Amino acid sequence: MYWRIQQAARLAGLEPVTLVSDNIALAYKYAISRNPREIMESKLHKKRKDDVHHALLYDIGSTGATASLVRITVSTKTKGRKMSVVETVDVKAVAWTSVVGGRSFDRRLSALLAERYNALQAELGSSSFDVRDDPRAMATLLREAARAKEKLSANKELAVSVDGLPSNIAVRALFSLQL
């Protein structure tokens, strides 16, 4: 399959140097996104030559999830009066599962919204109707959960409001991404 990607790149007028897996690309992105100034200041403060940092990076796709354990080694090199930071990325382990994926995440978020709806309904003293028994309402909650998941991937906190449910009860929830 890799040769097809290389062939497509050549057809587009690009000359691929190498191809890397998603896990390595994610590890490099994480290492690059760290603030080098903070790293240098902490290294100067600790007066350590090398700093080793382990991170567990995950990627949840629609049908599965991948987790990568990476080791990032930060060292400083001095040339005259100029000091530079060198980061080395080493992928130690990779695991994949089809049990957890974006769709299962959507279903879990919609279940949380359904629980919130049922709690609001009981609080208001409405009938003992369970929203999980209404396919149309659950489809609405699943659609809104998928939207919330997409927006939450770019934000640390997201307020969700779902209208148009039975008994005209609007469900509101605040989801936050904790790292």
N, C-alpha and C. Protein backbone atom coordinates (compact mmCIF):
# COMPACT_ATOMS: atom_id res chain seq x y z
N MET A 1 0.82 -1.19 0.00
CA MET A 1 0.00 0.00 0.00
C MET A 1 0.86 1.26 0.00
N TYR A 2 2.03 1.19 0.68
CA TYR A 2 2.89 2.37 0.74
C TYR A 2 3.37 2.80 -0.63
N TRP A 3 3.60 1.82 -1.51
CA TRP A 3 4.09 2.19 -2.83
C TRP A 3 3.04 2.98 -3.59
N ARG A 4 1.74 2.72 -3.29
CA ARG A 4 0.67 3.49 -3.94
C ARG A 4 0.69 4.95 -3.49
N ILE A 5 0.96 5.16 -2.21
CA ILE A 5 1.05 6.52 -1.69
C ILE A 5 2.23 7.24 -2.33
N GLN A 6 3.36 6.54 -2.42
CA GLN A 6 4.55 7.14 -3.05
C GLN A 6 4.29 7.43 -4.53
N GLN A 7 3.62 6.51 -5.19
CA GLN A 7 3.30 6.72 -6.61
C GLN A 7 2.36 7.91 -6.79
N ALA A 8 1.37 8.06 -5.92
CA ALA A 8 0.45 9.19 -5.99
C ALA A 8 1.20 10.50 -5.75
N ALA A 9 2.14 10.49 -4.82
CA ALA A 9 2.93 11.70 -4.55
C ALA A 9 3.75 12.07 -5.79
N ARG A 10 4.35 11.09 -6.42
CA ARG A 10 5.15 11.37 -7.63
C ARG A 10 4.28 11.90 -8.76
N LEU A 11 3.06 11.34 -8.89
CA LEU A 11 2.14 11.83 -9.92
C LEU A 11 1.74 13.28 -9.66
N ALA A 12 1.73 13.66 -8.39
CA ALA A 12 1.39 15.04 -8.02
C ALA A 12 2.59 15.97 -8.12
N GLY A 13 3.74 15.43 -8.54
CA GLY A 13 4.93 16.25 -8.69
C GLY A 13 5.77 16.37 -7.43
N LEU A 14 5.51 15.52 -6.45
CA LEU A 14 6.28 15.52 -5.20
C LEU A 14 7.25 14.35 -5.19
N GLU A 15 8.35 14.52 -4.51
CA GLU A 15 9.31 13.44 -4.37
C GLU A 15 9.35 13.04 -2.89
N PRO A 16 8.65 11.96 -2.54
CA PRO A 16 8.62 11.56 -1.12
C PRO A 16 9.99 11.09 -0.65
N VAL A 17 10.37 11.56 0.52
CA VAL A 17 11.64 11.15 1.12
C VAL A 17 11.42 9.87 1.91
N THR A 18 10.40 9.88 2.74
CA THR A 18 10.05 8.69 3.52
C THR A 18 8.60 8.81 3.97
N LEU A 19 8.02 7.70 4.33
CA LEU A 19 6.68 7.67 4.88
C LEU A 19 6.78 7.25 6.33
N VAL A 20 5.98 7.88 7.17
CA VAL A 20 5.96 7.52 8.58
C VAL A 20 4.55 7.11 8.96
N SER A 21 4.45 6.28 9.99
CA SER A 21 3.14 5.82 10.45
C SER A 21 2.43 6.97 11.17
N ASP A 22 1.14 6.80 11.37
CA ASP A 22 0.34 7.79 12.09
C ASP A 22 0.90 8.02 13.49
N ASN A 23 1.35 6.95 14.13
CA ASN A 23 1.84 7.04 15.51
C ASN A 23 3.10 7.91 15.59
N ILE A 24 4.00 7.71 14.66
CA ILE A 24 5.23 8.51 14.66
C ILE A 24 4.91 9.96 14.33
N ALA A 25 4.01 10.18 13.38
CA ALA A 25 3.63 11.56 13.03
C ALA A 25 2.98 12.25 14.22
N LEU A 26 2.14 11.55 14.96
CA LEU A 26 1.50 12.11 16.14
C LEU A 26 2.53 12.43 17.22
N ALA A 27 3.50 11.53 17.39
CA ALA A 27 4.56 11.76 18.40
C ALA A 27 5.39 12.98 18.03
N TYR A 28 5.74 13.14 16.77
CA TYR A 28 6.50 14.32 16.35
C TYR A 28 5.69 15.59 16.52
N LYS A 29 4.40 15.53 16.19
CA LYS A 29 3.55 16.71 16.36
C LYS A 29 3.49 17.11 17.83
N TYR A 30 3.37 16.13 18.71
CA TYR A 30 3.33 16.42 20.13
C TYR A 30 4.66 17.03 20.59
N ALA A 31 5.77 16.46 20.15
CA ALA A 31 7.08 16.97 20.56
C ALA A 31 7.30 18.39 20.04
N ILE A 32 6.89 18.65 18.82
CA ILE A 32 7.08 19.97 18.23
C ILE A 32 6.18 21.01 18.90
N SER A 33 4.99 20.58 19.34
CA SER A 33 4.05 21.54 19.92
C SER A 33 4.44 21.98 21.32
N ARG A 34 5.37 21.28 21.95
CA ARG A 34 5.82 21.70 23.28
C ARG A 34 6.61 22.99 23.15
N ASN A 35 6.51 23.84 24.15
CA ASN A 35 7.15 25.14 24.10
C ASN A 35 8.65 25.00 24.41
N PRO A 36 9.54 25.24 23.43
CA PRO A 36 10.97 25.06 23.66
C PRO A 36 11.53 25.99 24.73
N ARG A 37 10.96 27.19 24.84
CA ARG A 37 11.46 28.13 25.85
C ARG A 37 11.23 27.59 27.26
N GLU A 38 10.02 27.04 27.49
CA GLU A 38 9.74 26.45 28.81
C GLU A 38 10.65 25.27 29.08
N ILE A 39 10.90 24.47 28.05
CA ILE A 39 11.79 23.32 28.22
C ILE A 39 13.19 23.79 28.60
N MET A 40 13.69 24.79 27.89
CA MET A 40 15.04 25.30 28.18
C MET A 40 15.09 25.89 29.59
N GLU A 41 14.09 26.68 29.97
CA GLU A 41 14.10 27.29 31.29
C GLU A 41 14.05 26.25 32.39
N SER A 42 13.23 25.21 32.20
CA SER A 42 13.16 24.17 33.22
C SER A 42 14.46 23.40 33.28
N LYS A 43 15.11 23.20 32.14
CA LYS A 43 16.38 22.48 32.12
C LYS A 43 17.47 23.32 32.80
N LEU A 44 17.46 24.63 32.58
CA LEU A 44 18.44 25.49 33.23
C LEU A 44 18.21 25.51 34.74
N HIS A 45 16.93 25.52 35.11
CA HIS A 45 16.58 25.55 36.52
C HIS A 45 17.00 24.26 37.22
N LYS A 46 16.78 23.11 36.55
CA LYS A 46 17.11 21.83 37.14
C LYS A 46 18.59 21.47 36.98
N LYS A 47 19.26 22.16 36.06
CA LYS A 47 20.68 21.91 35.75
C LYS A 47 20.93 20.45 35.41
N ARG A 48 20.01 19.89 34.62
CA ARG A 48 20.17 18.52 34.15
C ARG A 48 20.53 18.54 32.69
N LYS A 49 21.34 17.59 32.30
CA LYS A 49 21.75 17.53 30.91
C LYS A 49 20.63 17.00 30.01
N ASP A 50 19.99 15.90 30.43
CA ASP A 50 18.92 15.31 29.65
C ASP A 50 17.64 15.26 30.47
N ASP A 51 16.53 15.45 29.78
CA ASP A 51 15.22 15.36 30.41
C ASP A 51 14.41 14.36 29.61
N VAL A 52 13.91 13.32 30.27
CA VAL A 52 13.14 12.29 29.60
C VAL A 52 11.67 12.45 29.98
N HIS A 53 10.83 12.45 28.97
CA HIS A 53 9.40 12.65 29.18
C HIS A 53 8.68 11.51 28.44
N HIS A 54 7.79 10.82 29.15
CA HIS A 54 6.98 9.78 28.53
C HIS A 54 5.57 10.31 28.33
N ALA A 55 4.97 9.95 27.21
CA ALA A 55 3.60 10.38 26.93
C ALA A 55 2.84 9.23 26.29
N LEU A 56 1.59 9.13 26.65
CA LEU A 56 0.69 8.17 26.02
C LEU A 56 -0.21 8.96 25.10
N LEU A 57 -0.04 8.77 23.81
CA LEU A 57 -0.81 9.49 22.80
C LEU A 57 -1.87 8.56 22.24
N TYR A 58 -3.06 9.08 22.03
CA TYR A 58 -4.12 8.23 21.50
C TYR A 58 -4.79 8.91 20.32
N ASP A 59 -5.31 8.08 19.46
CA ASP A 59 -6.03 8.55 18.28
C ASP A 59 -7.28 7.68 18.18
N ILE A 60 -8.43 8.31 18.35
CA ILE A 60 -9.68 7.56 18.26
C ILE A 60 -10.28 7.83 16.89
N GLY A 61 -10.33 6.79 16.08
CA GLY A 61 -10.96 6.88 14.77
C GLY A 61 -12.41 6.47 14.87
N SER A 62 -13.08 6.35 13.75
CA SER A 62 -14.51 6.02 13.80
C SER A 62 -14.73 4.57 14.20
N THR A 63 -13.81 3.69 13.89
CA THR A 63 -14.02 2.27 14.19
C THR A 63 -13.03 1.69 15.19
N GLY A 64 -12.04 2.44 15.60
CA GLY A 64 -11.07 1.90 16.53
C GLY A 64 -10.23 2.99 17.16
N ALA A 65 -9.37 2.57 18.08
CA ALA A 65 -8.50 3.50 18.78
C ALA A 65 -7.08 2.96 18.78
N THR A 66 -6.13 3.86 18.65
CA THR A 66 -4.72 3.51 18.70
C THR A 66 -4.08 4.29 19.83
N ALA A 67 -3.26 3.61 20.61
CA ALA A 67 -2.51 4.26 21.68
C ALA A 67 -1.03 4.01 21.43
N SER A 68 -0.23 5.04 21.61
CA SER A 68 1.21 4.94 21.41
C SER A 68 1.92 5.47 22.64
N LEU A 69 2.85 4.69 23.14
CA LEU A 69 3.68 5.13 24.25
C LEU A 69 4.97 5.65 23.65
N VAL A 70 5.28 6.92 23.88
CA VAL A 70 6.48 7.52 23.30
C VAL A 70 7.37 8.08 24.41
N ARG A 71 8.65 8.05 24.14
CA ARG A 71 9.63 8.66 25.04
C ARG A 71 10.27 9.81 24.29
N ILE A 72 10.21 10.98 24.91
CA ILE A 72 10.81 12.17 24.31
C ILE A 72 11.97 12.58 25.20
N THR A 73 13.14 12.59 24.61
CA THR A 73 14.32 12.98 25.35
C THR A 73 14.72 14.38 24.89
N VAL A 74 14.84 15.27 25.84
CA VAL A 74 15.23 16.65 25.55
C VAL A 74 16.63 16.85 26.12
N SER A 75 17.53 17.24 25.26
CA SER A 75 18.89 17.52 25.72
C SER A 75 19.31 18.88 25.17
N THR A 76 20.29 19.45 25.80
CA THR A 76 20.80 20.74 25.35
C THR A 76 22.20 20.57 24.80
N LYS A 77 22.47 21.33 23.79
CA LYS A 77 23.82 21.37 23.21
C LYS A 77 24.28 22.80 23.25
N THR A 78 25.50 22.98 23.66
CA THR A 78 26.06 24.32 23.77
C THR A 78 27.18 24.46 22.75
N LYS A 79 27.12 25.56 22.02
CA LYS A 79 28.17 25.89 21.07
C LYS A 79 28.55 27.33 21.33
N GLY A 80 29.68 27.49 21.99
CA GLY A 80 30.08 28.83 22.39
C GLY A 80 29.15 29.33 23.47
N ARG A 81 28.51 30.48 23.23
CA ARG A 81 27.57 31.03 24.19
C ARG A 81 26.12 30.69 23.83
N LYS A 82 25.95 29.97 22.73
CA LYS A 82 24.61 29.67 22.24
C LYS A 82 24.22 28.24 22.65
N MET A 83 23.02 28.14 23.26
CA MET A 83 22.52 26.84 23.68
C MET A 83 21.29 26.50 22.85
N SER A 84 21.20 25.26 22.40
CA SER A 84 20.04 24.83 21.64
C SER A 84 19.45 23.57 22.28
N VAL A 85 18.18 23.38 22.03
CA VAL A 85 17.46 22.22 22.57
C VAL A 85 17.29 21.20 21.45
N VAL A 86 17.60 19.94 21.76
CA VAL A 86 17.45 18.85 20.80
C VAL A 86 16.46 17.85 21.40
N GLU A 87 15.40 17.56 20.65
CA GLU A 87 14.41 16.59 21.11
C GLU A 87 14.51 15.32 20.27
N THR A 88 14.52 14.18 20.95
CA THR A 88 14.54 12.88 20.29
C THR A 88 13.25 12.15 20.63
N VAL A 89 12.57 11.65 19.62
CA VAL A 89 11.30 10.96 19.81
C VAL A 89 11.51 9.48 19.52
N ASP A 90 11.06 8.65 20.47
CA ASP A 90 11.20 7.20 20.34
C ASP A 90 9.85 6.56 20.66
N VAL A 91 9.24 5.89 19.68
CA VAL A 91 7.97 5.20 19.91
C VAL A 91 8.30 3.85 20.55
N LYS A 92 7.84 3.66 21.79
CA LYS A 92 8.17 2.45 22.55
C LYS A 92 7.17 1.33 22.32
N ALA A 93 5.89 1.67 22.19
CA ALA A 93 4.86 0.63 22.01
C ALA A 93 3.65 1.23 21.32
N VAL A 94 2.94 0.39 20.59
CA VAL A 94 1.72 0.79 19.90
C VAL A 94 0.67 -0.30 20.12
N ALA A 95 -0.55 0.10 20.44
CA ALA A 95 -1.64 -0.86 20.61
C ALA A 95 -2.88 -0.32 19.90
N TRP A 96 -3.69 -1.24 19.41
CA TRP A 96 -4.89 -0.87 18.67
C TRP A 96 -6.05 -1.73 19.12
N THR A 97 -7.23 -1.17 19.18
CA THR A 97 -8.43 -1.92 19.52
C THR A 97 -9.60 -1.45 18.66
N SER A 98 -10.47 -2.39 18.35
CA SER A 98 -11.67 -2.03 17.60
C SER A 98 -12.88 -1.87 18.53
N VAL A 99 -12.68 -2.10 19.83
CA VAL A 99 -13.77 -1.99 20.80
C VAL A 99 -14.16 -0.53 21.03
N VAL A 100 -13.18 0.35 21.04
CA VAL A 100 -13.41 1.77 21.28
C VAL A 100 -13.18 2.52 19.98
N GLY A 101 -14.12 3.37 19.63
CA GLY A 101 -13.99 4.18 18.43
C GLY A 101 -14.92 5.37 18.51
N GLY A 102 -14.90 6.17 17.49
CA GLY A 102 -15.71 7.38 17.48
C GLY A 102 -17.20 7.10 17.60
N ARG A 103 -17.67 6.04 16.94
CA ARG A 103 -19.10 5.71 17.02
C ARG A 103 -19.49 5.29 18.43
N SER A 104 -18.64 4.50 19.10
CA SER A 104 -18.97 4.10 20.47
C SER A 104 -18.91 5.31 21.40
N PHE A 105 -18.02 6.26 21.11
CA PHE A 105 -17.95 7.50 21.87
C PHE A 105 -19.24 8.31 21.68
N ASP A 106 -19.72 8.36 20.43
CA ASP A 106 -20.99 9.04 20.14
C ASP A 106 -22.13 8.41 20.93
N ARG A 107 -22.17 7.06 20.94
CA ARG A 107 -23.24 6.37 21.65
C ARG A 107 -23.17 6.66 23.16
N ARG A 108 -21.96 6.76 23.70
CA ARG A 108 -21.83 7.04 25.14
C ARG A 108 -22.28 8.47 25.45
N LEU A 109 -21.89 9.43 24.61
CA LEU A 109 -22.35 10.81 24.82
C LEU A 109 -23.86 10.92 24.70
N SER A 110 -24.45 10.20 23.72
CA SER A 110 -25.91 10.26 23.57
C SER A 110 -26.59 9.59 24.77
N ALA A 111 -25.97 8.56 25.34
CA ALA A 111 -26.53 7.93 26.54
C ALA A 111 -26.50 8.91 27.72
N LEU A 112 -25.42 9.70 27.82
CA LEU A 112 -25.36 10.72 28.87
C LEU A 112 -26.45 11.77 28.69
N LEU A 113 -26.67 12.18 27.44
CA LEU A 113 -27.74 13.15 27.16
C LEU A 113 -29.11 12.55 27.46
N ALA A 114 -29.30 11.26 27.15
CA ALA A 114 -30.57 10.59 27.45
C ALA A 114 -30.80 10.51 28.96
N GLU A 115 -29.75 10.22 29.71
CA GLU A 115 -29.86 10.19 31.17
C GLU A 115 -30.25 11.58 31.70
N ARG A 116 -29.64 12.61 31.12
CA ARG A 116 -29.96 13.98 31.52
C ARG A 116 -31.42 14.30 31.21
N TYR A 117 -31.90 13.88 30.04
CA TYR A 117 -33.30 14.10 29.66
C TYR A 117 -34.24 13.41 30.66
N ASN A 118 -33.97 12.13 30.94
CA ASN A 118 -34.83 11.38 31.86
C ASN A 118 -34.82 12.00 33.25
N ALA A 119 -33.68 12.49 33.70
CA ALA A 119 -33.59 13.14 35.02
C ALA A 119 -34.40 14.44 35.02
N LEU A 120 -34.31 15.22 33.94
CA LEU A 120 -35.09 16.46 33.85
C LEU A 120 -36.58 16.16 33.83
N GLN A 121 -36.96 15.12 33.12
CA GLN A 121 -38.37 14.75 33.02
C GLN A 121 -38.91 14.35 34.39
N ALA A 122 -38.13 13.58 35.14
CA ALA A 122 -38.55 13.17 36.49
C ALA A 122 -38.62 14.38 37.42
N GLU A 123 -37.67 15.30 37.26
CA GLU A 123 -37.62 16.52 38.08
C GLU A 123 -38.85 17.40 37.83
N LEU A 124 -39.30 17.43 36.57
CA LEU A 124 -40.46 18.24 36.21
C LEU A 124 -41.78 17.54 36.51
N GLY A 125 -41.70 16.28 36.91
CA GLY A 125 -42.90 15.53 37.24
C GLY A 125 -43.68 15.07 36.03
N SER A 126 -43.01 14.95 34.88
CA SER A 126 -43.68 14.49 33.67
C SER A 126 -43.90 12.98 33.75
N SER A 127 -44.43 12.42 32.68
CA SER A 127 -44.71 10.98 32.65
C SER A 127 -43.43 10.16 32.80
N SER A 128 -43.61 8.89 33.00
CA SER A 128 -42.46 8.00 33.20
C SER A 128 -41.93 7.50 31.86
N PHE A 129 -42.01 8.32 30.84
CA PHE A 129 -41.52 7.98 29.51
C PHE A 129 -39.99 7.96 29.51
N ASP A 130 -39.40 6.90 28.97
CA ASP A 130 -37.95 6.80 28.85
C ASP A 130 -37.57 7.17 27.42
N VAL A 131 -36.75 8.20 27.28
CA VAL A 131 -36.38 8.70 25.96
C VAL A 131 -35.64 7.64 25.14
N ARG A 132 -35.01 6.67 25.81
CA ARG A 132 -34.28 5.61 25.09
C ARG A 132 -35.22 4.69 24.32
N ASP A 133 -36.53 4.76 24.62
CA ASP A 133 -37.51 3.94 23.91
C ASP A 133 -38.03 4.63 22.64
N ASP A 134 -37.63 5.87 22.40
CA ASP A 134 -38.08 6.63 21.24
C ASP A 134 -36.95 6.70 20.21
N PRO A 135 -37.05 5.94 19.11
CA PRO A 135 -35.97 5.91 18.12
C PRO A 135 -35.66 7.29 17.52
N ARG A 136 -36.68 8.09 17.29
CA ARG A 136 -36.47 9.41 16.68
C ARG A 136 -35.71 10.32 17.65
N ALA A 137 -36.09 10.30 18.91
CA ALA A 137 -35.39 11.13 19.91
C ALA A 137 -33.95 10.66 20.08
N MET A 138 -33.74 9.35 20.08
CA MET A 138 -32.37 8.83 20.23
C MET A 138 -31.52 9.18 19.01
N ALA A 139 -32.13 9.18 17.82
CA ALA A 139 -31.39 9.59 16.61
C ALA A 139 -30.97 11.05 16.73
N THR A 140 -31.85 11.89 17.27
CA THR A 140 -31.52 13.30 17.49
C THR A 140 -30.38 13.44 18.48
N LEU A 141 -30.45 12.69 19.59
CA LEU A 141 -29.39 12.76 20.60
C LEU A 141 -28.06 12.23 20.04
N LEU A 142 -28.12 11.17 19.23
CA LEU A 142 -26.90 10.62 18.63
C LEU A 142 -26.29 11.63 17.66
N ARG A 143 -27.12 12.30 16.87
CA ARG A 143 -26.62 13.31 15.92
C ARG A 143 -25.95 14.46 16.68
N GLU A 144 -26.59 14.92 17.74
CA GLU A 144 -26.02 16.02 18.53
C GLU A 144 -24.76 15.58 19.27
N ALA A 145 -24.72 14.33 19.69
CA ALA A 145 -23.52 13.81 20.36
C ALA A 145 -22.34 13.77 19.39
N ALA A 146 -22.59 13.37 18.15
CA ALA A 146 -21.52 13.35 17.14
C ALA A 146 -21.01 14.76 16.87
N ARG A 147 -21.92 15.72 16.78
CA ARG A 147 -21.50 17.12 16.60
C ARG A 147 -20.68 17.61 17.79
N ALA A 148 -21.13 17.25 18.98
CA ALA A 148 -20.42 17.66 20.19
C ALA A 148 -19.01 17.07 20.22
N LYS A 149 -18.89 15.81 19.82
CA LYS A 149 -17.57 15.16 19.81
C LYS A 149 -16.62 15.89 18.86
N GLU A 150 -17.11 16.24 17.68
CA GLU A 150 -16.27 16.95 16.71
C GLU A 150 -15.84 18.31 17.23
N LYS A 151 -16.78 19.04 17.83
CA LYS A 151 -16.44 20.36 18.37
C LYS A 151 -15.54 20.26 19.59
N LEU A 152 -15.72 19.22 20.36
CA LEU A 152 -14.91 19.04 21.57
C LEU A 152 -13.46 18.69 21.22
N SER A 153 -13.24 18.14 20.03
CA SER A 153 -11.86 17.82 19.65
C SER A 153 -11.03 19.08 19.43
N ALA A 154 -11.69 20.23 19.22
CA ALA A 154 -10.98 21.48 19.01
C ALA A 154 -11.11 22.44 20.19
N ASN A 155 -11.93 22.10 21.18
CA ASN A 155 -12.17 22.96 22.33
C ASN A 155 -12.00 22.17 23.61
N LYS A 156 -11.69 22.86 24.68
CA LYS A 156 -11.54 22.18 25.97
C LYS A 156 -12.88 22.03 26.69
N GLU A 157 -13.85 22.86 26.31
CA GLU A 157 -15.15 22.83 26.96
C GLU A 157 -16.22 23.15 25.93
N LEU A 158 -17.39 22.52 26.08
CA LEU A 158 -18.44 22.72 25.10
C LEU A 158 -19.80 22.61 25.77
N ALA A 159 -20.63 23.60 25.55
CA ALA A 159 -22.01 23.57 26.03
C ALA A 159 -22.89 23.01 24.92
N VAL A 160 -23.67 22.00 25.24
CA VAL A 160 -24.54 21.34 24.26
C VAL A 160 -25.99 21.60 24.66
N SER A 161 -26.80 21.94 23.68
CA SER A 161 -28.23 22.15 23.90
C SER A 161 -28.98 21.39 22.82
N VAL A 162 -29.89 20.51 23.23
CA VAL A 162 -30.67 19.71 22.28
C VAL A 162 -32.14 20.05 22.48
N ASP A 163 -32.76 20.56 21.42
CA ASP A 163 -34.19 20.89 21.43
C ASP A 163 -34.93 19.89 20.54
N GLY A 164 -36.24 19.97 20.55
CA GLY A 164 -37.04 19.13 19.66
C GLY A 164 -37.24 17.71 20.17
N LEU A 165 -37.11 17.52 21.45
CA LEU A 165 -37.31 16.20 22.04
C LEU A 165 -38.75 16.10 22.56
N PRO A 166 -39.21 14.89 22.84
CA PRO A 166 -40.58 14.74 23.36
C PRO A 166 -40.82 15.58 24.61
N SER A 167 -42.06 15.98 24.81
CA SER A 167 -42.51 16.81 25.94
C SER A 167 -41.86 18.20 25.93
N ASN A 168 -41.24 18.58 24.79
CA ASN A 168 -40.59 19.88 24.64
C ASN A 168 -39.58 20.16 25.76
N ILE A 169 -38.88 19.15 26.19
CA ILE A 169 -37.84 19.32 27.19
C ILE A 169 -36.52 19.49 26.46
N ALA A 170 -35.83 20.58 26.71
CA ALA A 170 -34.53 20.83 26.09
C ALA A 170 -33.44 20.31 27.04
N VAL A 171 -32.54 19.56 26.48
CA VAL A 171 -31.44 19.00 27.27
C VAL A 171 -30.22 19.90 27.09
N ARG A 172 -29.63 20.29 28.20
CA ARG A 172 -28.42 21.10 28.17
C ARG A 172 -27.36 20.38 28.99
N ALA A 173 -26.15 20.36 28.44
CA ALA A 173 -25.06 19.69 29.15
C ALA A 173 -23.77 20.43 28.85
N LEU A 174 -22.86 20.36 29.78
CA LEU A 174 -21.54 20.95 29.60
C LEU A 174 -20.53 19.81 29.61
N PHE A 175 -19.84 19.63 28.50
CA PHE A 175 -18.81 18.61 28.40
C PHE A 175 -17.46 19.30 28.44
N SER A 176 -16.53 18.73 29.17
CA SER A 176 -15.19 19.30 29.21
C SER A 176 -14.16 18.20 28.95
N LEU A 177 -13.13 18.59 28.27
CA LEU A 177 -12.03 17.69 27.95
C LEU A 177 -10.94 17.91 28.97
N GLN A 178 -10.64 16.90 29.73
CA GLN A 178 -9.62 17.03 30.76
C GLN A 178 -8.41 16.24 30.33
N LEU A 179 -7.28 16.91 30.28
CA LEU A 179 -6.04 16.27 29.89
C LEU A 179 -5.17 16.03 31.08
